[in-house]
Amino acid sequence: MWITIISVLGVFIVLIIAHELGHFITAKASGVKVEEFGLGLPPRLFGVRRGETLYSVNAIPLGGFTKMAGEEDPAVPRSLASKGIGTRLLVLSAGSLMNLLLPILLLSIAFMVPHSMVTEPVVIKEVAPNSPAAAAGIEAGDAIISINEKPVRNTGDLHRYIYLYLGQEITLLTEHGDSTKEVQLIPRWEPPEDEGAIGISLDIDAIMSNQTIFSQRYPFWEAIPLGVSTCMETFVLFKNGIISMIIGATPVEFAGPVGIAQLTGEVVRAGISPLLIFTAFLSINLAIINLFPLPALDGGRIVFVLLEWIRRGKRVSAKTEGLVHYIGFALLMAAIVIITYRDIIRIIAGESLIP
């Protein structure tokens, strides 16, 4: 229980501090006055002042903030709004940039830490008629060895690579008995129900009966490049996930703080390496979502700076911009309350976000 609570708090703190440090460091370097660096949202529990900045810990664990002088008012001395467009864009986007860089570190450490690795034959049980797999000549009993020359060591690898290359032609190396063959096909964005992107079902009995589990770790010179490549693949998977939800191929699922805490508690039981990978995934989510052009988010503030640039220096009034962000923040909090309510109902029902 305590391990789960500490892990949940640790994940939230790492993500929040990384994000806010991006804003804090670039603001300080640009000569912007930082009035407060806060972990959590008010009311304030306690704070320590160092120089001109108050470092605070707050009661509501839903994020953090870097309060800069005059975020919308250029008349305030050493304000963010008084800086040039380029500086403001850098400061506002630096939080998300930090959340995009953090996963490289987390994934690299995850690969260096000893972790369990599962290998299993990925054997096909059935091929759906008129599916990409059927058109490519894949048959029941074939085992998938690699996709685009990436080894398929288990079913997780299979699903990851297929989802990574949705809508693109891929090359599968398959094995049947003593013979191998290469086939090309295109995974579908919107497959028929229960067919999957390429139209196969797997032989679970053959897979489970031939599983091998062993401990694995990589030296740092291999772990770091692997962390970078995995991070880049995760960006693509996130993009494909958004597209799938937009076109209705996958259901829209949201998780608030309670849902994320539930997921973290489930992942931490699998070990340190899976927890680091999960935290990296959350960091990428946080980075991209914060850049959405919505009021109160970093992306919403960036929109106002870009509007000023498009209008050749003509600003939206500080009062109007402040009001938009205030309303946006209120709507964001309302959305979090609704999502949290759904998370609690799901947990009471004994359900999980993990399929």
Protein backbone atom coordinates (compact mmCIF):
# COMPACT_ATOMS: atom_id res chain seq x y z
CA MET A 1 0.00 0.00 0.00
CA TRP A 2 2.69 2.49 1.05
CA ILE A 3 4.84 1.55 -1.95
CA THR A 4 1.91 2.36 -4.24
CA ILE A 5 1.22 5.71 -2.54
CA ILE A 6 4.89 6.71 -2.65
CA SER A 7 5.15 5.64 -6.32
CA VAL A 8 2.06 7.64 -7.30
CA LEU A 9 3.35 10.75 -5.53
CA GLY A 10 6.80 10.21 -7.01
CA VAL A 11 5.45 9.99 -10.56
CA PHE A 12 3.35 13.14 -10.18
CA ILE A 13 6.21 15.10 -8.57
CA VAL A 14 8.74 14.11 -11.24
CA LEU A 15 6.40 15.08 -14.09
CA ILE A 16 5.34 18.37 -12.50
CA ILE A 17 8.82 19.49 -11.47
CA ALA A 18 10.26 18.64 -14.90
CA HIS A 19 7.53 20.67 -16.61
CA GLU A 20 7.75 23.68 -14.33
CA LEU A 21 11.56 23.68 -14.36
CA GLY A 22 11.36 24.25 -18.11
CA HIS A 23 9.35 27.43 -17.58
CA PHE A 24 11.43 28.46 -14.54
CA ILE A 25 14.88 28.07 -16.12
CA THR A 26 14.01 29.80 -19.39
CA ALA A 27 12.19 32.62 -17.56
CA LYS A 28 15.16 33.25 -15.27
CA ALA A 29 17.58 33.08 -18.20
CA SER A 30 15.45 35.61 -20.11
CA GLY A 31 15.36 38.11 -17.25
CA VAL A 32 11.71 37.49 -16.39
CA LYS A 33 10.86 37.86 -12.71
CA VAL A 34 9.57 34.57 -11.26
CA GLU A 35 7.37 35.38 -8.29
CA GLU A 36 6.50 31.83 -7.25
CA PHE A 37 7.46 28.27 -8.17
CA GLY A 38 4.67 26.03 -6.91
CA LEU A 39 4.23 22.28 -6.56
CA GLY A 40 0.50 21.52 -6.49
CA LEU A 41 -2.27 24.11 -6.72
CA PRO A 42 -3.41 26.54 -3.96
CA PRO A 43 -4.25 26.79 -1.13
CA ARG A 44 -0.62 26.98 -0.05
CA LEU A 45 0.62 24.59 2.64
CA PHE A 46 4.02 26.19 3.14
CA GLY A 47 6.67 28.07 1.21
CA VAL A 48 10.30 29.17 1.40
CA ARG A 49 11.53 32.41 -0.17
CA ARG A 50 14.91 32.45 -1.86
CA GLY A 51 15.73 35.82 -3.40
CA GLU A 52 12.75 37.18 -5.27
CA THR A 53 11.05 33.79 -5.73
CA LEU A 54 8.77 31.93 -3.33
CA TYR A 55 9.07 28.13 -3.57
CA SER A 56 5.79 26.64 -2.34
CA VAL A 57 4.06 23.33 -1.73
CA ASN A 58 0.31 23.49 -2.20
CA ALA A 59 -2.67 21.41 -1.13
CA ILE A 60 -4.24 20.30 -4.43
CA PRO A 61 -2.02 17.72 -6.18
CA LEU A 62 -3.29 18.45 -9.70
CA GLY A 63 -0.22 20.07 -11.16
CA GLY A 64 2.12 22.95 -10.47
CA PHE A 65 2.82 26.47 -11.64
CA THR A 66 5.53 29.01 -12.33
CA LYS A 67 4.06 32.42 -11.55
CA MET A 68 5.84 35.05 -13.59
CA ALA A 69 5.44 38.81 -13.29
CA GLY A 70 2.99 40.31 -15.76
CA GLU A 71 2.16 37.23 -17.80
CA GLU A 72 -0.40 39.25 -19.79
CA ASP A 73 0.57 42.85 -18.86
CA PRO A 74 3.69 44.34 -20.53
CA ALA A 75 3.53 47.39 -18.23
CA VAL A 76 4.76 45.32 -15.27
CA PRO A 77 8.56 45.62 -14.75
CA ARG A 78 10.52 42.52 -15.88
CA SER A 79 7.26 40.91 -16.98
CA LEU A 80 6.92 38.02 -19.37
CA ALA A 81 4.58 40.07 -21.54
CA SER A 82 7.24 42.77 -21.97
CA LYS A 83 9.62 40.35 -23.68
CA GLY A 84 9.85 39.72 -27.40
CA ILE A 85 7.70 37.17 -29.21
CA GLY A 86 10.54 34.67 -29.55
CA THR A 87 11.37 34.81 -25.84
CA ARG A 88 7.75 34.36 -24.82
CA LEU A 89 7.31 31.40 -27.16
CA LEU A 90 10.44 29.79 -25.69
CA VAL A 91 9.35 30.30 -22.07
CA LEU A 92 5.79 29.09 -22.71
CA SER A 93 6.84 25.99 -24.64
CA ALA A 94 9.81 25.07 -22.41
CA GLY A 95 7.64 23.08 -19.99
CA SER A 96 6.47 20.75 -22.74
CA LEU A 97 10.00 20.57 -24.14
CA MET A 98 11.25 19.32 -20.77
CA ASN A 99 8.47 16.72 -20.71
CA LEU A 100 9.59 15.56 -24.16
CA LEU A 101 13.24 15.26 -23.07
CA LEU A 102 12.52 13.56 -19.74
CA PRO A 103 11.31 10.29 -21.36
CA ILE A 104 14.70 9.80 -23.04
CA LEU A 105 16.32 9.75 -19.58
CA LEU A 106 13.58 7.59 -18.03
CA LEU A 107 13.56 5.05 -20.87
CA SER A 108 17.34 4.82 -20.92
CA ILE A 109 17.37 4.08 -17.17
CA ALA A 110 14.53 1.57 -17.62
CA PHE A 111 16.61 -0.38 -20.14
CA MET A 112 19.69 -0.29 -17.87
CA VAL A 113 17.75 -1.59 -14.86
CA PRO A 114 17.38 -5.41 -14.75
CA HIS A 115 13.86 -6.24 -15.95
CA SER A 116 11.87 -9.29 -16.95
CA MET A 117 11.74 -10.08 -20.64
CA VAL A 118 9.22 -12.45 -22.23
CA THR A 119 9.93 -14.30 -25.45
CA GLU A 120 7.29 -16.43 -27.11
CA PRO A 121 6.44 -17.67 -30.59
CA VAL A 122 3.83 -15.40 -32.15
CA VAL A 123 1.80 -18.07 -33.92
CA ILE A 124 -1.27 -17.32 -36.04
CA LYS A 125 -4.39 -19.36 -35.38
CA GLU A 126 -6.80 -17.91 -37.97
CA VAL A 127 -6.69 -15.45 -40.86
CA ALA A 128 -9.82 -13.42 -41.61
CA PRO A 129 -11.09 -13.66 -45.22
CA ASN A 130 -10.49 -10.57 -47.38
CA SER A 131 -8.10 -9.11 -44.80
CA PRO A 132 -4.64 -7.68 -45.52
CA ALA A 133 -3.10 -10.84 -44.03
CA ALA A 134 -5.19 -13.08 -46.32
CA ALA A 135 -4.31 -10.99 -49.38
CA ALA A 136 -0.61 -11.25 -48.49
CA GLY A 137 -0.78 -15.06 -48.31
CA ILE A 138 -0.37 -15.44 -44.56
CA GLU A 139 -1.76 -18.76 -43.30
CA ALA A 140 -2.82 -20.37 -40.04
CA GLY A 141 0.21 -21.85 -38.30
CA ASP A 142 2.61 -19.16 -39.53
CA ALA A 143 4.81 -17.59 -36.86
CA ILE A 144 5.69 -13.90 -37.26
CA ILE A 145 9.46 -13.45 -36.86
CA SER A 146 9.93 -9.75 -37.66
CA ILE A 147 8.19 -6.63 -38.94
CA ASN A 148 10.24 -4.20 -41.04
CA GLU A 149 13.33 -6.09 -39.85
CA LYS A 150 12.43 -5.42 -36.19
CA PRO A 151 12.37 -8.74 -34.28
CA VAL A 152 8.96 -9.76 -32.94
CA ARG A 153 9.85 -11.40 -29.62
CA ASN A 154 6.35 -11.51 -28.14
CA THR A 155 2.74 -10.43 -28.74
CA GLY A 156 3.52 -7.00 -27.25
CA ASP A 157 6.07 -6.38 -30.00
CA LEU A 158 3.54 -7.50 -32.62
CA HIS A 159 0.82 -5.09 -31.47
CA ARG A 160 3.30 -2.23 -31.02
CA TYR A 161 4.78 -2.48 -34.53
CA ILE A 162 1.45 -2.95 -36.27
CA TYR A 163 0.03 0.10 -34.48
CA LEU A 164 3.22 2.02 -35.24
CA TYR A 165 2.81 1.50 -38.99
CA LEU A 166 -0.96 1.93 -39.42
CA GLY A 167 -1.76 2.89 -43.01
CA GLN A 168 1.80 2.13 -44.20
CA GLU A 169 3.12 -0.86 -46.09
CA ILE A 170 5.09 -3.19 -43.84
CA THR A 171 7.19 -6.28 -44.49
CA LEU A 172 6.55 -9.34 -42.33
CA LEU A 173 8.97 -12.23 -42.12
CA THR A 174 7.03 -15.39 -41.29
CA GLU A 175 8.07 -18.94 -40.53
CA HIS A 176 6.15 -22.16 -41.08
CA GLY A 177 7.97 -25.35 -40.22
CA ASP A 178 11.44 -25.11 -41.77
CA SER A 179 10.53 -22.48 -44.38
CA THR A 180 10.40 -18.69 -44.15
CA LYS A 181 8.85 -16.08 -46.41
CA GLU A 182 8.50 -12.31 -46.62
CA VAL A 183 5.13 -10.70 -47.30
CA GLN A 184 3.96 -7.10 -47.60
CA LEU A 185 0.69 -5.68 -46.34
CA ILE A 186 -0.86 -2.44 -45.03
CA PRO A 187 -2.42 -2.43 -41.52
CA ARG A 188 -5.90 -0.88 -41.59
CA TRP A 189 -6.97 2.19 -39.62
CA GLU A 190 -10.58 1.01 -39.38
CA PRO A 191 -10.75 -2.81 -39.49
CA PRO A 192 -14.00 -4.75 -39.12
CA GLU A 193 -14.92 -5.62 -35.56
CA ASP A 194 -12.80 -8.37 -33.94
CA GLU A 195 -10.43 -8.63 -36.92
CA GLY A 196 -7.62 -6.28 -35.91
CA ALA A 197 -5.55 -4.10 -38.22
CA ILE A 198 -4.18 -6.96 -40.35
CA GLY A 199 -6.91 -9.57 -39.84
CA ILE A 200 -5.35 -12.32 -37.73
CA SER A 201 -6.06 -14.09 -34.44
CA LEU A 202 -3.26 -15.66 -32.42
CA ASP A 203 -2.85 -19.21 -31.13
CA ILE A 204 -2.82 -18.43 -27.41
CA ASP A 205 -2.21 -22.06 -26.37
CA ALA A 206 0.90 -22.34 -28.57
CA ILE A 207 2.15 -18.97 -27.38
CA MET A 208 1.63 -19.58 -23.65
CA SER A 209 3.06 -23.10 -23.68
CA ASN A 210 6.35 -21.90 -25.19
CA GLN A 211 6.96 -18.74 -23.16
CA THR A 212 10.41 -18.01 -21.77
CA ILE A 213 10.92 -15.35 -19.09
CA PHE A 214 14.40 -14.07 -18.24
CA SER A 215 16.07 -11.02 -16.72
CA GLN A 216 17.63 -8.52 -19.10
CA ARG A 217 19.57 -5.26 -18.84
CA TYR A 218 21.44 -3.15 -21.37
CA PRO A 219 24.78 -1.32 -20.93
CA PHE A 220 24.41 2.46 -21.08
CA TRP A 221 25.88 2.73 -24.59
CA GLU A 222 23.04 0.54 -25.85
CA ALA A 223 20.34 1.77 -23.45
CA ILE A 224 20.59 5.45 -24.44
CA PRO A 225 20.11 4.95 -28.22
CA LEU A 226 17.34 2.46 -27.42
CA GLY A 227 15.71 5.04 -25.13
CA VAL A 228 15.84 7.67 -27.89
CA SER A 229 14.36 5.35 -30.54
CA THR A 230 11.64 4.12 -28.16
CA CYS A 231 10.77 7.72 -27.30
CA MET A 232 10.40 8.60 -30.99
CA GLU A 233 8.23 5.52 -31.58
CA THR A 234 6.05 6.54 -28.64
CA PHE A 235 5.44 9.95 -30.26
CA VAL A 236 4.17 8.14 -33.36
CA LEU A 237 2.00 5.78 -31.29
CA PHE A 238 0.49 8.76 -29.47
CA LYS A 239 -0.24 10.47 -32.80
CA ASN A 240 -1.82 7.31 -34.21
CA GLY A 241 -3.90 6.97 -31.05
CA ILE A 242 -5.30 10.48 -31.45
CA ILE A 243 -6.11 9.85 -35.12
CA SER A 244 -7.80 6.54 -34.24
CA MET A 245 -10.02 8.28 -31.69
CA ILE A 246 -10.87 11.10 -34.11
CA ILE A 247 -11.97 8.70 -36.86
CA GLY A 248 -13.80 6.50 -34.35
CA ALA A 249 -11.59 3.43 -34.79
CA THR A 250 -10.93 3.26 -31.04
CA PRO A 251 -13.09 4.49 -28.16
CA VAL A 252 -12.23 7.83 -26.54
CA GLU A 253 -10.80 7.22 -23.08
CA PHE A 254 -9.74 9.87 -20.57
CA ALA A 255 -8.09 9.40 -17.19
CA GLY A 256 -7.86 12.08 -14.53
CA PRO A 257 -5.56 12.16 -11.50
CA VAL A 258 -7.45 9.31 -9.81
CA GLY A 259 -7.33 7.17 -12.94
CA ILE A 260 -3.62 7.82 -13.39
CA ALA A 261 -3.03 6.95 -9.74
CA GLN A 262 -4.91 3.66 -10.30
CA LEU A 263 -2.80 2.85 -13.36
CA THR A 264 0.42 3.75 -11.52
CA GLY A 265 -0.54 1.43 -8.67
CA GLU A 266 -1.09 -1.41 -11.14
CA VAL A 267 2.15 -0.77 -13.04
CA VAL A 268 4.37 -0.44 -9.95
CA ARG A 269 3.60 -4.06 -9.06
CA ALA A 270 5.40 -5.09 -12.27
CA GLY A 271 8.68 -3.51 -11.15
CA ILE A 272 10.87 -0.41 -11.46
CA SER A 273 11.50 -0.68 -15.20
CA PRO A 274 7.79 -0.82 -16.19
CA LEU A 275 7.13 2.12 -13.82
CA LEU A 276 9.86 4.20 -15.52
CA ILE A 277 8.43 3.34 -18.95
CA PHE A 278 4.91 4.26 -17.80
CA THR A 279 6.19 7.58 -16.37
CA ALA A 280 7.91 8.32 -19.68
CA PHE A 281 4.63 7.70 -21.51
CA LEU A 282 2.77 10.02 -19.12
CA SER A 283 5.43 12.69 -19.65
CA ILE A 284 4.94 12.58 -23.41
CA ASN A 285 1.16 12.79 -22.92
CA LEU A 286 1.57 15.79 -20.62
CA ALA A 287 3.88 17.54 -23.10
CA ILE A 288 1.56 17.14 -26.08
CA ILE A 289 -1.67 17.89 -24.22
CA ASN A 290 -0.18 21.07 -22.75
CA LEU A 291 0.51 22.31 -26.28
CA PHE A 292 -3.14 21.94 -27.31
CA PRO A 293 -4.45 25.42 -28.21
CA LEU A 294 -6.85 25.57 -25.27
CA PRO A 295 -7.20 28.47 -22.81
CA ALA A 296 -5.28 28.06 -19.52
CA LEU A 297 -2.89 25.54 -21.09
CA ASP A 298 0.53 26.55 -22.41
CA GLY A 299 -0.78 26.04 -25.95
CA GLY A 300 -3.58 28.54 -25.30
CA ARG A 301 -1.07 31.17 -24.17
CA ILE A 302 1.10 30.45 -27.19
CA VAL A 303 -1.93 31.15 -29.42
CA PHE A 304 -2.15 34.70 -28.08
CA VAL A 305 1.56 35.27 -28.79
CA LEU A 306 1.13 33.95 -32.33
CA LEU A 307 -1.92 36.19 -32.81
CA GLU A 308 0.23 39.16 -31.84
CA TRP A 309 2.84 38.10 -34.40
CA ILE A 310 0.19 37.65 -37.14
CA ARG A 311 -1.25 41.08 -36.28
CA ARG A 312 2.24 42.59 -36.50
CA GLY A 313 2.63 43.48 -32.88
CA LYS A 314 -0.96 44.37 -32.04
CA ARG A 315 -1.81 42.64 -28.77
CA VAL A 316 -5.05 41.33 -27.41
CA SER A 317 -5.71 43.40 -24.27
CA ALA A 318 -4.30 42.00 -21.02
CA LYS A 319 -7.79 42.07 -19.49
CA THR A 320 -9.32 40.06 -22.34
CA GLU A 321 -6.51 37.49 -22.39
CA GLY A 322 -6.66 37.10 -18.62
CA LEU A 323 -10.43 36.57 -18.74
CA VAL A 324 -10.10 33.92 -21.46
CA HIS A 325 -7.51 32.00 -19.44
CA TYR A 326 -9.61 32.32 -16.27
CA ILE A 327 -12.67 30.87 -18.00
CA GLY A 328 -10.51 28.18 -19.60
CA PHE A 329 -9.06 27.22 -16.23
CA ALA A 330 -12.56 26.98 -14.70
CA LEU A 331 -13.70 24.72 -17.55
CA LEU A 332 -10.56 22.62 -17.21
CA MET A 333 -11.20 22.10 -13.50
CA ALA A 334 -14.82 21.16 -14.25
CA ALA A 335 -13.64 18.61 -16.81
CA ILE A 336 -11.18 17.14 -14.29
CA VAL A 337 -13.98 16.81 -11.73
CA ILE A 338 -16.18 14.95 -14.25
CA ILE A 339 -13.34 12.65 -15.35
CA THR A 340 -12.38 12.00 -11.72
CA TYR A 341 -15.99 11.04 -10.93
CA ARG A 342 -15.92 8.52 -13.81
CA ASP A 343 -12.56 7.19 -12.59
CA ILE A 344 -13.94 6.63 -9.09
CA ILE A 345 -17.06 4.86 -10.43
CA ARG A 346 -14.83 2.60 -12.57
CA ILE A 347 -12.61 1.74 -9.60
CA ILE A 348 -15.65 0.96 -7.41
CA ALA A 349 -16.89 -1.35 -10.16
CA GLY A 350 -13.52 -3.14 -10.09
CA GLU A 351 -12.61 -2.15 -13.66
CA SER A 352 -9.22 -1.06 -15.01
CA LEU A 353 -8.00 1.12 -17.87
CA ILE A 354 -5.51 -1.59 -18.73
CA PRO A 355 -7.14 -4.00 -21.23
